[in-house]
Amino acid sequence: MQIVLLNIGYGNIVNMDKVVAVIHAEAAPIKRMVQSAKDNGMAVDATCGRKTKCILVMDSGHIVLSALLPETLENRVIEGNGQTEGRETM
């Protein structure tokens, strides 16, 4: 089994197999979703104090806040540069 890790900015990494969606953070319904997740303890803030630009929805129901644009994450996945130390096997 291979685990593909994606650098979501500022030294934060997620497992791509667990990501359900990558969403732009500007829409009002998304902001409400983020607030609800924060209230329920289901939000992981990986922005390091910067403005949230995209949301990663995980298969566990958690959401991860990132300061990178969704397009940046998409390019990292496509180019393979988002991986840390290449592909790791488990």
PDB file of N, CA and C in Angstrom:
ATOM      1  N   MET A   1       0.843  -1.183   0.000  1.00  0.00           N
ATOM      2  CA  MET A   1       0.000   0.000   0.000  1.00  0.00           C
ATOM      3  C   MET A   1       0.886   1.243   0.000  1.00  0.00           C
ATOM      4  N   GLN A   2       0.581   2.178  -0.883  1.00  0.00           N
ATOM      5  CA  GLN A   2       1.359   3.401  -0.949  1.00  0.00           C
ATOM      6  C   GLN A   2       0.561   4.552  -0.358  1.00  0.00           C
ATOM      7  N   ILE A   3       1.253   5.391   0.403  1.00  0.00           N
ATOM      8  CA  ILE A   3       0.634   6.572   0.977  1.00  0.00           C
ATOM      9  C   ILE A   3       1.174   7.784   0.238  1.00  0.00           C
ATOM     10  N   VAL A   4       0.265   8.586  -0.320  1.00  0.00           N
ATOM     11  CA  VAL A   4       0.663   9.796  -1.015  1.00  0.00           C
ATOM     12  C   VAL A   4       0.405  10.969  -0.070  1.00  0.00           C
ATOM     13  N   LEU A   5       1.470  11.668   0.268  1.00  0.00           N
ATOM     14  CA  LEU A   5       1.377  12.802   1.178  1.00  0.00           C
ATOM     15  C   LEU A   5       1.445  14.096   0.392  1.00  0.00           C
ATOM     16  N   LEU A   6       0.620  15.079   0.784  1.00  0.00           N
ATOM     17  CA  LEU A   6       0.562  16.359   0.105  1.00  0.00           C
ATOM     18  C   LEU A   6       0.924  17.468   1.076  1.00  0.00           C
ATOM     19  N   ASN A   7       1.880  18.289   0.696  1.00  0.00           N
ATOM     20  CA  ASN A   7       2.266  19.451   1.489  1.00  0.00           C
ATOM     21  C   ASN A   7       1.214  20.533   1.261  1.00  0.00           C
ATOM     22  N   ILE A   8       0.476  20.906   2.314  1.00  0.00           N
ATOM     23  CA  ILE A   8      -0.578  21.911   2.184  1.00  0.00           C
ATOM     24  C   ILE A   8      -0.099  23.277   2.672  1.00  0.00           C
ATOM     25  N   GLY A   9       1.191  23.424   2.850  1.00  0.00           N
ATOM     26  CA  GLY A   9       1.764  24.715   3.184  1.00  0.00           C
ATOM     27  C   GLY A   9       2.316  24.793   4.591  1.00  0.00           C
ATOM     28  N   TYR A  10       3.437  25.493   4.721  1.00  0.00           N
ATOM     29  CA  TYR A  10       4.058  25.801   6.005  1.00  0.00           C
ATOM     30  C   TYR A  10       4.374  24.564   6.826  1.00  0.00           C
ATOM     31  N   GLY A  11       4.826  23.520   6.149  1.00  0.00           N
ATOM     32  CA  GLY A  11       5.251  22.299   6.823  1.00  0.00           C
ATOM     33  C   GLY A  11       4.124  21.371   7.217  1.00  0.00           C
ATOM     34  N   ASN A  12       2.910  21.627   6.779  1.00  0.00           N
ATOM     35  CA  ASN A  12       1.760  20.782   7.104  1.00  0.00           C
ATOM     36  C   ASN A  12       1.491  19.824   5.957  1.00  0.00           C
ATOM     37  N   ILE A  13       1.183  18.578   6.307  1.00  0.00           N
ATOM     38  CA  ILE A  13       1.052  17.516   5.320  1.00  0.00           C
ATOM     39  C   ILE A  13      -0.220  16.725   5.592  1.00  0.00           C
ATOM     40  N   VAL A  14      -0.934  16.340   4.521  1.00  0.00           N
ATOM     41  CA  VAL A  14      -2.109  15.479   4.663  1.00  0.00           C
ATOM     42  C   VAL A  14      -1.950  14.253   3.765  1.00  0.00           C
ATOM     43  N   ASN A  15      -2.659  13.207   4.126  1.00  0.00           N
ATOM     44  CA  ASN A  15      -2.703  11.982   3.337  1.00  0.00           C
ATOM     45  C   ASN A  15      -3.751  12.173   2.247  1.00  0.00           C
ATOM     46  N   MET A  16      -3.353  12.144   0.992  1.00  0.00           N
ATOM     47  CA  MET A  16      -4.270  12.386  -0.126  1.00  0.00           C
ATOM     48  C   MET A  16      -5.364  11.330  -0.224  1.00  0.00           C
ATOM     49  N   ASP A  17      -5.126  10.127   0.285  1.00  0.00           N
ATOM     50  CA  ASP A  17      -6.144   9.078   0.236  1.00  0.00           C
ATOM     51  C   ASP A  17      -7.344   9.413   1.117  1.00  0.00           C
ATOM     52  N   LYS A  18      -7.169  10.313   2.071  1.00  0.00           N
ATOM     53  CA  LYS A  18      -8.237  10.671   3.007  1.00  0.00           C
ATOM     54  C   LYS A  18      -8.981  11.940   2.605  1.00  0.00           C
ATOM     55  N   VAL A  19      -8.513  12.635   1.570  1.00  0.00           N
ATOM     56  CA  VAL A  19      -9.140  13.885   1.141  1.00  0.00           C
ATOM     57  C   VAL A  19     -10.323  13.574   0.225  1.00  0.00           C
ATOM     58  N   VAL A  20     -11.490  14.129   0.574  1.00  0.00           N
ATOM     59  CA  VAL A  20     -12.699  13.949  -0.222  1.00  0.00           C
ATOM     60  C   VAL A  20     -12.851  15.095  -1.206  1.00  0.00           C
ATOM     61  N   ALA A  21     -12.558  16.336  -0.756  1.00  0.00           N
ATOM     62  CA  ALA A  21     -12.745  17.503  -1.613  1.00  0.00           C
ATOM     63  C   ALA A  21     -11.794  18.615  -1.190  1.00  0.00           C
ATOM     64  N   VAL A  22     -11.442  19.447  -2.171  1.00  0.00           N
ATOM     65  CA  VAL A  22     -10.671  20.670  -1.926  1.00  0.00           C
ATOM     66  C   VAL A  22     -11.552  21.811  -2.423  1.00  0.00           C
ATOM     67  N   ILE A  23     -11.892  22.727  -1.506  1.00  0.00           N
ATOM     68  CA  ILE A  23     -12.891  23.754  -1.790  1.00  0.00           C
ATOM     69  C   ILE A  23     -12.307  25.139  -1.552  1.00  0.00           C
ATOM     70  N   HIS A  24     -12.644  26.080  -2.432  1.00  0.00           N
ATOM     71  CA  HIS A  24     -12.254  27.478  -2.240  1.00  0.00           C
ATOM     72  C   HIS A  24     -13.011  28.020  -1.031  1.00  0.00           C
ATOM     73  N   ALA A  25     -12.358  28.789  -0.183  1.00  0.00           N
ATOM     74  CA  ALA A  25     -12.914  29.170   1.119  1.00  0.00           C
ATOM     75  C   ALA A  25     -13.743  30.443   1.134  1.00  0.00           C
ATOM     76  N   GLU A  26     -13.980  31.083   0.012  1.00  0.00           N
ATOM     77  CA  GLU A  26     -14.632  32.391   0.025  1.00  0.00           C
ATOM     78  C   GLU A  26     -16.151  32.366   0.081  1.00  0.00           C
ATOM     79  N   ALA A  27     -16.812  31.308  -0.318  1.00  0.00           N
ATOM     80  CA  ALA A  27     -18.272  31.272  -0.370  1.00  0.00           C
ATOM     81  C   ALA A  27     -18.885  31.258   1.036  1.00  0.00           C
ATOM     82  N   ALA A  28     -20.006  31.928   1.189  1.00  0.00           N
ATOM     83  CA  ALA A  28     -20.674  32.016   2.486  1.00  0.00           C
ATOM     84  C   ALA A  28     -21.050  30.640   3.063  1.00  0.00           C
ATOM     85  N   PRO A  29     -21.576  29.699   2.267  1.00  0.00           N
ATOM     86  CA  PRO A  29     -21.886  28.385   2.840  1.00  0.00           C
ATOM     87  C   PRO A  29     -20.643  27.663   3.370  1.00  0.00           C
ATOM     88  N   ILE A  30     -19.528  27.877   2.713  1.00  0.00           N
ATOM     89  CA  ILE A  30     -18.282  27.248   3.163  1.00  0.00           C
ATOM     90  C   ILE A  30     -17.834  27.870   4.484  1.00  0.00           C
ATOM     91  N   LYS A  31     -17.977  29.182   4.611  1.00  0.00           N
ATOM     92  CA  LYS A  31     -17.625  29.853   5.870  1.00  0.00           C
ATOM     93  C   LYS A  31     -18.497  29.341   7.014  1.00  0.00           C
ATOM     94  N   ARG A  32     -19.777  29.086   6.738  1.00  0.00           N
ATOM     95  CA  ARG A  32     -20.655  28.520   7.770  1.00  0.00           C
ATOM     96  C   ARG A  32     -20.227  27.102   8.125  1.00  0.00           C
ATOM     97  N   MET A  33     -19.820  26.325   7.116  1.00  0.00           N
ATOM     98  CA  MET A  33     -19.344  24.969   7.362  1.00  0.00           C
ATOM     99  C   MET A  33     -18.098  24.985   8.245  1.00  0.00           C
ATOM    100  N   VAL A  34     -17.188  25.925   7.978  1.00  0.00           N
ATOM    101  CA  VAL A  34     -15.962  26.048   8.771  1.00  0.00           C
ATOM    102  C   VAL A  34     -16.309  26.412  10.212  1.00  0.00           C
ATOM    103  N   GLN A  35     -17.206  27.371  10.401  1.00  0.00           N
ATOM    104  CA  GLN A  35     -17.579  27.773  11.756  1.00  0.00           C
ATOM    105  C   GLN A  35     -18.218  26.624  12.514  1.00  0.00           C
ATOM    106  N   SER A  36     -19.069  25.874  11.843  1.00  0.00           N
ATOM    107  CA  SER A  36     -19.700  24.718  12.467  1.00  0.00           C
ATOM    108  C   SER A  36     -18.655  23.670  12.871  1.00  0.00           C
ATOM    109  N   ALA A  37     -17.695  23.422  11.993  1.00  0.00           N
ATOM    110  CA  ALA A  37     -16.636  22.451  12.293  1.00  0.00           C
ATOM    111  C   ALA A  37     -15.777  22.923  13.467  1.00  0.00           C
ATOM    112  N   LYS A  38     -15.496  24.222  13.515  1.00  0.00           N
ATOM    113  CA  LYS A  38     -14.724  24.764  14.649  1.00  0.00           C
ATOM    114  C   LYS A  38     -15.488  24.581  15.952  1.00  0.00           C
ATOM    115  N   ASP A  39     -16.796  24.866  15.922  1.00  0.00           N
ATOM    116  CA  ASP A  39     -17.625  24.727  17.118  1.00  0.00           C
ATOM    117  C   ASP A  39     -17.677  23.287  17.610  1.00  0.00           C
ATOM    118  N   ASN A  40     -17.625  22.335  16.687  1.00  0.00           N
ATOM    119  CA  ASN A  40     -17.705  20.911  17.029  1.00  0.00           C
ATOM    120  C   ASN A  40     -16.346  20.243  17.205  1.00  0.00           C
ATOM    121  N   GLY A  41     -15.272  21.015  17.092  1.00  0.00           N
ATOM    122  CA  GLY A  41     -13.936  20.446  17.256  1.00  0.00           C
ATOM    123  C   GLY A  41     -13.498  19.575  16.093  1.00  0.00           C
ATOM    124  N   MET A  42     -14.048  19.827  14.911  1.00  0.00           N
ATOM    125  CA  MET A  42     -13.737  19.009  13.743  1.00  0.00           C
ATOM    126  C   MET A  42     -12.869  19.744  12.727  1.00  0.00           C
ATOM    127  N   ALA A  43     -12.343  20.920  13.100  1.00  0.00           N
ATOM    128  CA  ALA A  43     -11.525  21.714  12.186  1.00  0.00           C
ATOM    129  C   ALA A  43     -10.065  21.656  12.615  1.00  0.00           C
ATOM    130  N   VAL A  44      -9.192  21.519  11.629  1.00  0.00           N
ATOM    131  CA  VAL A  44      -7.755  21.552  11.853  1.00  0.00           C
ATOM    132  C   VAL A  44      -7.219  22.761  11.100  1.00  0.00           C
ATOM    133  N   ASP A  45      -6.679  23.722  11.843  1.00  0.00           N
ATOM    134  CA  ASP A  45      -6.184  24.953  11.232  1.00  0.00           C
ATOM    135  C   ASP A  45      -4.709  24.791  10.892  1.00  0.00           C
ATOM    136  N   ALA A  46      -4.409  24.682   9.592  1.00  0.00           N
ATOM    137  CA  ALA A  46      -3.032  24.525   9.125  1.00  0.00           C
ATOM    138  C   ALA A  46      -2.560  25.782   8.396  1.00  0.00           C
ATOM    139  N   THR A  47      -3.161  26.927   8.728  1.00  0.00           N
ATOM    140  CA  THR A  47      -2.825  28.174   8.036  1.00  0.00           C
ATOM    141  C   THR A  47      -1.640  28.901   8.652  1.00  0.00           C
ATOM    142  N   CYS A  48      -1.267  28.543   9.870  1.00  0.00           N
ATOM    143  CA  CYS A  48      -0.172  29.217  10.592  1.00  0.00           C
ATOM    144  C   CYS A  48      -0.432  30.724  10.700  1.00  0.00           C
ATOM    145  N   GLY A  49      -1.675  31.097  10.972  1.00  0.00           N
ATOM    146  CA  GLY A  49      -2.031  32.484  11.182  1.00  0.00           C
ATOM    147  C   GLY A  49      -2.316  33.283   9.926  1.00  0.00           C
ATOM    148  N   ARG A  50      -2.246  32.659   8.785  1.00  0.00           N
ATOM    149  CA  ARG A  50      -2.513  33.361   7.526  1.00  0.00           C
ATOM    150  C   ARG A  50      -3.983  33.206   7.140  1.00  0.00           C
ATOM    151  N   LYS A  51      -4.403  33.911   6.100  1.00  0.00           N
ATOM    152  CA  LYS A  51      -5.776  33.862   5.642  1.00  0.00           C
ATOM    153  C   LYS A  51      -6.087  32.489   5.039  1.00  0.00           C
ATOM    154  N   THR A  52      -7.225  31.939   5.417  1.00  0.00           N
ATOM    155  CA  THR A  52      -7.665  30.653   4.858  1.00  0.00           C
ATOM    156  C   THR A  52      -8.113  30.852   3.423  1.00  0.00           C
ATOM    157  N   LYS A  53      -7.491  30.096   2.504  1.00  0.00           N
ATOM    158  CA  LYS A  53      -7.838  30.206   1.089  1.00  0.00           C
ATOM    159  C   LYS A  53      -8.497  28.952   0.544  1.00  0.00           C
ATOM    160  N   CYS A  54      -8.290  27.817   1.213  1.00  0.00           N
ATOM    161  CA  CYS A  54      -8.989  26.615   0.772  1.00  0.00           C
ATOM    162  C   CYS A  54      -9.232  25.684   1.941  1.00  0.00           C
ATOM    163  N   ILE A  55     -10.224  24.840   1.741  1.00  0.00           N
ATOM    164  CA  ILE A  55     -10.658  23.884   2.750  1.00  0.00           C
ATOM    165  C   ILE A  55     -10.496  22.486   2.174  1.00  0.00           C
ATOM    166  N   LEU A  56      -9.900  21.586   2.945  1.00  0.00           N
ATOM    167  CA  LEU A  56      -9.822  20.185   2.557  1.00  0.00           C
ATOM    168  C   LEU A  56     -10.806  19.421   3.424  1.00  0.00           C
ATOM    169  N   VAL A  57     -11.754  18.744   2.786  1.00  0.00           N
ATOM    170  CA  VAL A  57     -12.727  17.937   3.498  1.00  0.00           C
ATOM    171  C   VAL A  57     -12.181  16.513   3.536  1.00  0.00           C
ATOM    172  N   MET A  58     -12.082  15.966   4.741  1.00  0.00           N
ATOM    173  CA  MET A  58     -11.496  14.643   4.921  1.00  0.00           C
ATOM    174  C   MET A  58     -12.606  13.594   5.041  1.00  0.00           C
ATOM    175  N   ASP A  59     -12.267  12.338   4.801  1.00  0.00           N
ATOM    176  CA  ASP A  59     -13.268  11.272   4.847  1.00  0.00           C
ATOM    177  C   ASP A  59     -13.806  11.013   6.247  1.00  0.00           C
ATOM    178  N   SER A  60     -13.125  11.512   7.266  1.00  0.00           N
ATOM    179  CA  SER A  60     -13.569  11.349   8.653  1.00  0.00           C
ATOM    180  C   SER A  60     -14.580  12.412   9.062  1.00  0.00           C
ATOM    181  N   GLY A  61     -14.824  13.391   8.174  1.00  0.00           N
ATOM    182  CA  GLY A  61     -15.717  14.499   8.502  1.00  0.00           C
ATOM    183  C   GLY A  61     -14.975  15.729   8.988  1.00  0.00           C
ATOM    184  N   HIS A  62     -13.690  15.589   9.257  1.00  0.00           N
ATOM    185  CA  HIS A  62     -12.880  16.737   9.648  1.00  0.00           C
ATOM    186  C   HIS A  62     -12.650  17.638   8.439  1.00  0.00           C
ATOM    187  N   ILE A  63     -12.368  18.902   8.716  1.00  0.00           N
ATOM    188  CA  ILE A  63     -11.945  19.797   7.650  1.00  0.00           C
ATOM    189  C   ILE A  63     -10.587  20.372   8.030  1.00  0.00           C
ATOM    190  N   VAL A  64      -9.764  20.576   7.027  1.00  0.00           N
ATOM    191  CA  VAL A  64      -8.427  21.134   7.216  1.00  0.00           C
ATOM    192  C   VAL A  64      -8.382  22.470   6.488  1.00  0.00           C
ATOM    193  N   LEU A  65      -7.988  23.524   7.199  1.00  0.00           N
ATOM    194  CA  LEU A  65      -7.889  24.855   6.624  1.00  0.00           C
ATOM    195  C   LEU A  65      -6.472  25.074   6.133  1.00  0.00           C
ATOM    196  N   SER A  66      -6.336  25.545   4.896  1.00  0.00           N
ATOM    197  CA  SER A  66      -5.020  25.789   4.308  1.00  0.00           C
ATOM    198  C   SER A  66      -4.941  27.214   3.791  1.00  0.00           C
ATOM    199  N   ALA A  67      -3.753  27.787   3.853  1.00  0.00           N
ATOM    200  CA  ALA A  67      -3.520  29.140   3.354  1.00  0.00           C
ATOM    201  C   ALA A  67      -3.143  29.142   1.877  1.00  0.00           C
ATOM    202  N   LEU A  68      -3.087  27.970   1.257  1.00  0.00           N
ATOM    203  CA  LEU A  68      -2.761  27.896  -0.167  1.00  0.00           C
ATOM    204  C   LEU A  68      -4.039  27.858  -0.997  1.00  0.00           C
ATOM    205  N   LEU A  69      -3.945  28.326  -2.220  1.00  0.00           N
ATOM    206  CA  LEU A  69      -5.077  28.279  -3.132  1.00  0.00           C
ATOM    207  C   LEU A  69      -5.330  26.844  -3.592  1.00  0.00           C
ATOM    208  N   PRO A  70      -6.581  26.500  -3.886  1.00  0.00           N
ATOM    209  CA  PRO A  70      -6.874  25.155  -4.392  1.00  0.00           C
ATOM    210  C   PRO A  70      -6.077  24.821  -5.653  1.00  0.00           C
ATOM    211  N   GLU A  71      -5.851  25.815  -6.501  1.00  0.00           N
ATOM    212  CA  GLU A  71      -5.089  25.602  -7.725  1.00  0.00           C
ATOM    213  C   GLU A  71      -3.643  25.203  -7.416  1.00  0.00           C
ATOM    214  N   THR A  72      -3.084  25.771  -6.373  1.00  0.00           N
ATOM    215  CA  THR A  72      -1.722  25.431  -5.965  1.00  0.00           C
ATOM    216  C   THR A  72      -1.649  23.975  -5.521  1.00  0.00           C
ATOM    217  N   LEU A  73      -2.627  23.558  -4.720  1.00  0.00           N
ATOM    218  CA  LEU A  73      -2.652  22.162  -4.277  1.00  0.00           C
ATOM    219  C   LEU A  73      -2.864  21.220  -5.453  1.00  0.00           C
ATOM    220  N   GLU A  74      -3.730  21.616  -6.379  1.00  0.00           N
ATOM    221  CA  GLU A  74      -3.965  20.802  -7.573  1.00  0.00           C
ATOM    222  C   GLU A  74      -2.670  20.627  -8.359  1.00  0.00           C
ATOM    223  N   ASN A  75      -1.934  21.704  -8.547  1.00  0.00           N
ATOM    224  CA  ASN A  75      -0.666  21.625  -9.280  1.00  0.00           C
ATOM    225  C   ASN A  75       0.335  20.734  -8.565  1.00  0.00           C
ATOM    226  N   ARG A  76       0.360  20.791  -7.241  1.00  0.00           N
ATOM    227  CA  ARG A  76       1.280  19.935  -6.486  1.00  0.00           C
ATOM    228  C   ARG A  76       0.927  18.469  -6.650  1.00  0.00           C
ATOM    229  N   VAL A  77      -0.343  18.171  -6.694  1.00  0.00           N
ATOM    230  CA  VAL A  77      -0.760  16.777  -6.890  1.00  0.00           C
ATOM    231  C   VAL A  77      -0.393  16.315  -8.288  1.00  0.00           C
ATOM    232  N   ILE A  78      -0.694  17.145  -9.281  1.00  0.00           N
ATOM    233  CA  ILE A  78      -0.433  16.779 -10.679  1.00  0.00           C
ATOM    234  C   ILE A  78       1.063  16.611 -10.934  1.00  0.00           C
ATOM    235  N   GLU A  79       1.855  17.528 -10.426  1.00  0.00           N
ATOM    236  CA  GLU A  79       3.303  17.488 -10.652  1.00  0.00           C
ATOM    237  C   GLU A  79       4.014  16.506  -9.739  1.00  0.00           C
ATOM    238  N   GLY A  80       3.360  16.088  -8.679  1.00  0.00           N
ATOM    239  CA  GLY A  80       4.005  15.184  -7.739  1.00  0.00           C
ATOM    240  C   GLY A  80       4.922  15.877  -6.759  1.00  0.00           C
ATOM    241  N   ASN A  81       4.959  17.217  -6.788  1.00  0.00           N
ATOM    242  CA  ASN A  81       5.836  17.961  -5.888  1.00  0.00           C
ATOM    243  C   ASN A  81       5.259  18.088  -4.496  1.00  0.00           C
ATOM    244  N   GLY A  82       4.013  17.745  -4.308  1.00  0.00           N
ATOM    245  CA  GLY A  82       3.401  17.848  -2.994  1.00  0.00           C
ATOM    246  C   GLY A  82       3.806  16.730  -2.065  1.00  0.00           C
ATOM    247  N   GLN A  83       4.442  15.721  -2.613  1.00  0.00           N
ATOM    248  CA  GLN A  83       4.814  14.574  -1.810  1.00  0.00           C
ATOM    249  C   GLN A  83       6.083  14.860  -1.023  1.00  0.00           C
ATOM    250  N   THR A  84       6.140  14.290   0.177  1.00  0.00           N
ATOM    251  CA  THR A  84       7.345  14.415   0.975  1.00  0.00           C
ATOM    252  C   THR A  84       8.110  13.105   0.895  1.00  0.00           C
ATOM    253  N   GLU A  85       9.353  13.190   0.549  1.00  0.00           N
ATOM    254  CA  GLU A  85      10.207  12.003   0.438  1.00  0.00           C
ATOM    255  C   GLU A  85       9.633  10.988  -0.545  1.00  0.00           C
ATOM    256  N   GLY A  86       8.996  11.482  -1.603  1.00  0.00           N
ATOM    257  CA  GLY A  86       8.450  10.580  -2.612  1.00  0.00           C
ATOM    258  C   GLY A  86       7.283   9.800  -2.053  1.00  0.00           C
ATOM    259  N   ARG A  87       7.103   8.586  -2.493  1.00  0.00           N
ATOM    260  CA  ARG A  87       6.013   7.755  -1.996  1.00  0.00           C
ATOM    261  C   ARG A  87       6.550   6.850  -0.909  1.00  0.00           C
ATOM    262  N   GLU A  88       5.795   6.771   0.164  1.00  0.00           N
ATOM    263  CA  GLU A  88       6.196   5.905   1.258  1.00  0.00           C
ATOM    264  C   GLU A  88       5.318   4.660   1.231  1.00  0.00           C
ATOM    265  N   THR A  89       5.875   3.546   1.581  1.00  0.00           N
ATOM    266  CA  THR A  89       5.101   2.307   1.641  1.00  0.00           C
ATOM    267  C   THR A  89       4.832   1.972   3.083  1.00  0.00           C
ATOM    268  N   MET A  90       3.725   1.283   3.264  1.00  0.00           N
ATOM    269  CA  MET A  90       3.335   0.930   4.622  1.00  0.00           C
ATOM    270  C   MET A  90       3.187  -0.549   4.742  1.00  0.00           C
TER     271      MET A  90
END
